[in-house]
C-alpha cells in the first residue's frame, strides 16, 4: 500500500509520471545524504525536509512531495 495516497500527491504534482520522477530523484538524494553523513561530506545533498518515522527513502520522498516541500520544473 502506498503511503501517502496518490490523491494527496496529485495535489502537488501535474501527473503520476511527475510524482514518480520527482520522488525517485529525491529518494536518491536522501540515500546519498545518509551514505555521506558518516564522512562529513553532506553539503551536496540536503537532509530530509520532514519529520517521519519511516526508514524507507522512497516513502520519505513521497511524504515530502505530499507536503509540498519539493518544487520541480520540466526541461
C-alpha atoms as a PDB file:
ATOM      1  CA  UNK A   1       0.000   0.000   0.000  1.00  0.00           C
ATOM      2  CA  UNK A   2       1.350   3.388  -0.962  1.00  0.00           C
ATOM      3  CA  UNK A   3       1.625   5.947   1.765  1.00  0.00           C
ATOM      4  CA  UNK A   4       0.792   8.793   1.262  1.00  0.00           C
ATOM      5  CA  UNK A   5      -2.161   8.193  -1.031  1.00  0.00           C
ATOM      6  CA  UNK A   6      -1.892   9.148  -4.688  1.00  0.00           C
ATOM      7  CA  UNK A   7      -4.642  11.774  -4.415  1.00  0.00           C
ATOM      8  CA  UNK A   8      -2.527  13.708  -1.895  1.00  0.00           C
ATOM      9  CA  UNK A   9       0.449  13.537  -4.258  1.00  0.00           C
ATOM     10  CA  UNK A  10      -1.508  14.780  -7.271  1.00  0.00           C
ATOM     11  CA  UNK A  11      -2.335  17.987  -5.404  1.00  0.00           C
ATOM     12  CA  UNK A  12       1.339  18.997  -5.662  1.00  0.00           C
ATOM     13  CA  UNK A  13       2.421  17.495  -8.999  1.00  0.00           C
ATOM     14  CA  UNK A  14       0.997  17.522 -12.521  1.00  0.00           C
ATOM     15  CA  UNK A  15       0.704  13.782 -13.124  1.00  0.00           C
ATOM     16  CA  UNK A  16       1.551  10.325 -11.835  1.00  0.00           C
ATOM     17  CA  UNK A  17       4.620  10.370 -14.069  1.00  0.00           C
ATOM     18  CA  UNK A  18       5.891  13.594 -12.475  1.00  0.00           C
ATOM     19  CA  UNK A  19       5.312  12.164  -8.990  1.00  0.00           C
ATOM     20  CA  UNK A  20       7.401   9.087  -9.845  1.00  0.00           C
ATOM     21  CA  UNK A  21      10.248  11.121 -11.340  1.00  0.00           C
ATOM     22  CA  UNK A  22      10.389  13.658  -8.516  1.00  0.00           C
ATOM     23  CA  UNK A  23      10.165  11.027  -5.768  1.00  0.00           C
ATOM     24  CA  UNK A  24      12.812   8.788  -7.398  1.00  0.00           C
ATOM     25  CA  UNK A  25      15.300  11.629  -7.744  1.00  0.00           C
ATOM     26  CA  UNK A  26      14.670  12.858  -4.196  1.00  0.00           C
ATOM     27  CA  UNK A  27      14.990   9.356  -2.729  1.00  0.00           C
ATOM     28  CA  UNK A  28      18.414   9.025  -4.399  1.00  0.00           C
ATOM     29  CA  UNK A  29      19.413  12.360  -2.828  1.00  0.00           C
ATOM     30  CA  UNK A  30      18.257  11.175   0.611  1.00  0.00           C
ATOM     31  CA  UNK A  31      20.175   7.914   0.138  1.00  0.00           C
ATOM     32  CA  UNK A  32      23.332   9.837  -0.752  1.00  0.00           C
ATOM     33  CA  UNK A  33      22.822  12.143   2.233  1.00  0.00           C
ATOM     34  CA  UNK A  34      22.735   9.226   4.681  1.00  0.00           C
ATOM     35  CA  UNK A  35      25.632   7.473   2.927  1.00  0.00           C
ATOM     36  CA  UNK A  36      27.831  10.593   3.163  1.00  0.00           C
ATOM     37  CA  UNK A  37      26.724  11.536   6.672  1.00  0.00           C
ATOM     38  CA  UNK A  38      29.442   9.461   8.336  1.00  0.00           C
ATOM     39  CA  UNK A  39      32.117  11.041   6.166  1.00  0.00           C
ATOM     40  CA  UNK A  40      31.030  14.595   6.950  1.00  0.00           C
ATOM     41  CA  UNK A  41      30.565  15.480   3.270  1.00  0.00           C
ATOM     42  CA  UNK A  42      26.829  16.095   3.057  1.00  0.00           C
ATOM     43  CA  UNK A  43      26.865  19.608   1.591  1.00  0.00           C
ATOM     44  CA  UNK A  44      25.691  18.398  -1.848  1.00  0.00           C
ATOM     45  CA  UNK A  45      22.601  16.588  -0.656  1.00  0.00           C
ATOM     46  CA  UNK A  46      20.003  18.217   1.608  1.00  0.00           C
ATOM     47  CA  UNK A  47      18.696  16.231   4.578  1.00  0.00           C
ATOM     48  CA  UNK A  48      15.061  15.084   4.739  1.00  0.00           C
ATOM     49  CA  UNK A  49      12.760  18.099   4.988  1.00  0.00           C
ATOM     50  CA  UNK A  50      10.054  16.441   7.092  1.00  0.00           C
ATOM     51  CA  UNK A  51       9.873  14.511  10.335  1.00  0.00           C
ATOM     52  CA  UNK A  52       8.875  10.918   9.699  1.00  0.00           C
ATOM     53  CA  UNK A  53       9.062   7.551  11.349  1.00  0.00           C
ATOM     54  CA  UNK A  54       9.834   5.785   8.099  1.00  0.00           C
ATOM     55  CA  UNK A  55      13.273   4.445   7.263  1.00  0.00           C
ATOM     56  CA  UNK A  56      12.397   3.906   3.589  1.00  0.00           C
ATOM     57  CA  UNK A  57      13.903   6.645   1.426  1.00  0.00           C
ATOM     58  CA  UNK A  58      11.176   6.446  -1.206  1.00  0.00           C
ATOM     59  CA  UNK A  59       8.456   6.829   1.418  1.00  0.00           C
ATOM     60  CA  UNK A  60      10.251   9.856   2.849  1.00  0.00           C
ATOM     61  CA  UNK A  61      10.473  11.369  -0.642  1.00  0.00           C
ATOM     62  CA  UNK A  62       6.777  10.730  -1.317  1.00  0.00           C
ATOM     63  CA  UNK A  63       5.844  12.336   2.002  1.00  0.00           C
ATOM     64  CA  UNK A  64       7.900  15.392   1.058  1.00  0.00           C
ATOM     65  CA  UNK A  65       6.055  15.623  -2.260  1.00  0.00           C
ATOM     66  CA  UNK A  66       2.687  15.298  -0.497  1.00  0.00           C
ATOM     67  CA  UNK A  67       3.669  18.021   1.996  1.00  0.00           C
ATOM     68  CA  UNK A  68       4.601  20.387  -0.844  1.00  0.00           C
ATOM     69  CA  UNK A  69       8.236  20.672   0.237  1.00  0.00           C
ATOM     70  CA  UNK A  70       9.619  19.844  -3.219  1.00  0.00           C
ATOM     71  CA  UNK A  71       9.304  22.021  -6.282  1.00  0.00           C
ATOM     72  CA  UNK A  72      10.289  20.985  -9.795  1.00  0.00           C
ATOM     73  CA  UNK A  73      10.227  22.169 -13.370  1.00  0.00           C
ATOM     74  CA  UNK A  74      10.425  20.450 -16.727  1.00  0.00           C
ATOM     75  CA  UNK A  75      13.392  20.969 -19.022  1.00  0.00           C
END
